[in-house]
C-alpha atoms as a PDB file:
ATOM      1  CA  MET A   1     139.499 120.555 120.891  1.00  0.00           C
ATOM      2  CA  THR A   2     140.285 116.846 120.871  1.00  0.00           C
ATOM      3  CA  GLU A   3     141.946 115.000 117.557  1.00  0.00           C
ATOM      4  CA  ASN A   4     138.699 113.799 117.060  1.00  0.00           C
ATOM      5  CA  GLU A   5     136.465 116.817 117.334  1.00  0.00           C
ATOM      6  CA  ILE A   6     138.810 118.569 115.181  1.00  0.00           C
ATOM      7  CA  THR A   7     138.026 115.841 112.137  1.00  0.00           C
ATOM      8  CA  ASP A   8     134.494 115.706 113.088  1.00  0.00           C
ATOM      9  CA  THR A   9     134.651 119.986 112.130  1.00  0.00           C
ATOM     10  CA  ILE A  10     136.912 119.268 108.803  1.00  0.00           C
ATOM     11  CA  ILE A  11     134.604 115.777 107.491  1.00  0.00           C
ATOM     12  CA  GLY A  12     131.882 119.057 109.021  1.00  0.00           C
ATOM     13  CA  CYS A  13     132.942 121.076 106.149  1.00  0.00           C
ATOM     14  CA  ALA A  14     134.394 119.096 103.505  1.00  0.00           C
ATOM     15  CA  ILE A  15     130.313 118.281 103.153  1.00  0.00           C
ATOM     16  CA  LYS A  16     128.857 121.941 103.504  1.00  0.00           C
ATOM     17  CA  VAL A  17     131.260 122.925 100.770  1.00  0.00           C
ATOM     18  CA  HIS A  18     130.711 120.426  98.867  1.00  0.00           C
ATOM     19  CA  ARG A  19     126.720 120.285  98.626  1.00  0.00           C
ATOM     20  CA  ASN A  20     126.870 123.855  97.965  1.00  0.00           C
ATOM     21  CA  LEU A  21     129.263 124.033  95.280  1.00  0.00           C
ATOM     22  CA  GLY A  22     127.483 120.587  93.615  1.00  0.00           C
ATOM     23  CA  PRO A  23     130.238 117.458  92.378  1.00  0.00           C
ATOM     24  CA  GLY A  24     132.922 118.041  89.307  1.00  0.00           C
ATOM     25  CA  LEU A  25     134.799 121.244  90.182  1.00  0.00           C
ATOM     26  CA  LEU A  26     138.844 120.985  90.129  1.00  0.00           C
ATOM     27  CA  GLU A  27     140.303 119.963  93.664  1.00  0.00           C
ATOM     28  CA  SER A  28     141.738 123.738  94.011  1.00  0.00           C
ATOM     29  CA  ALA A  29     138.020 125.371  94.289  1.00  0.00           C
ATOM     30  CA  TYR A  30     137.733 122.772  96.767  1.00  0.00           C
ATOM     31  CA  GLN A  31     140.384 123.984  98.196  1.00  0.00           C
ATOM     32  CA  GLU A  32     140.077 127.616  98.497  1.00  0.00           C
ATOM     33  CA  CYS A  33     136.726 126.435 100.158  1.00  0.00           C
ATOM     34  CA  LEU A  34     137.674 124.637 102.861  1.00  0.00           C
ATOM     35  CA  PHE A  35     140.558 127.025 103.565  1.00  0.00           C
ATOM     36  CA  TYR A  36     138.015 129.406 103.941  1.00  0.00           C
ATOM     37  CA  GLU A  37     135.294 128.221 105.876  1.00  0.00           C
ATOM     38  CA  ASN A  38     138.235 126.467 108.312  1.00  0.00           C
ATOM     39  CA  VAL A  39     139.568 129.893 108.915  1.00  0.00           C
ATOM     40  CA  HIS A  40     136.069 131.901 109.378  1.00  0.00           C
ATOM     41  CA  LEU A  41     135.307 128.698 112.089  1.00  0.00           C
ATOM     42  CA  LEU A  42     139.027 129.375 114.082  1.00  0.00           C
ATOM     43  CA  GLU A  43     137.883 133.513 113.446  1.00  0.00           C
ATOM     44  CA  TYR A  44     134.283 132.498 115.248  1.00  0.00           C
ATOM     45  CA  ARG A  45     136.106 129.916 117.783  1.00  0.00           C
ATOM     46  CA  LEU A  46     138.639 132.785 118.651  1.00  0.00           C
ATOM     47  CA  ASP A  47     136.926 135.527 118.847  1.00  0.00           C
ATOM     48  CA  SER A  48     134.486 133.142 122.080  1.00  0.00           C
ATOM     49  CA  VAL A  49     136.743 132.665 124.067  1.00  0.00           C
ATOM     50  CA  TYR A  50     138.001 135.916 124.656  1.00  0.00           C
END
């Protein structure tokens, strides 16, 4: 995965989280959701490789 692909993935996850939760929450809420999204995405990619 290139740096641009990683950046695109992270920004895509951030947009998805913000659309689902909306504005105005504490940063920690967004951090937890981004962590979940990225771990879920990483597990999916690892499963698809093997």
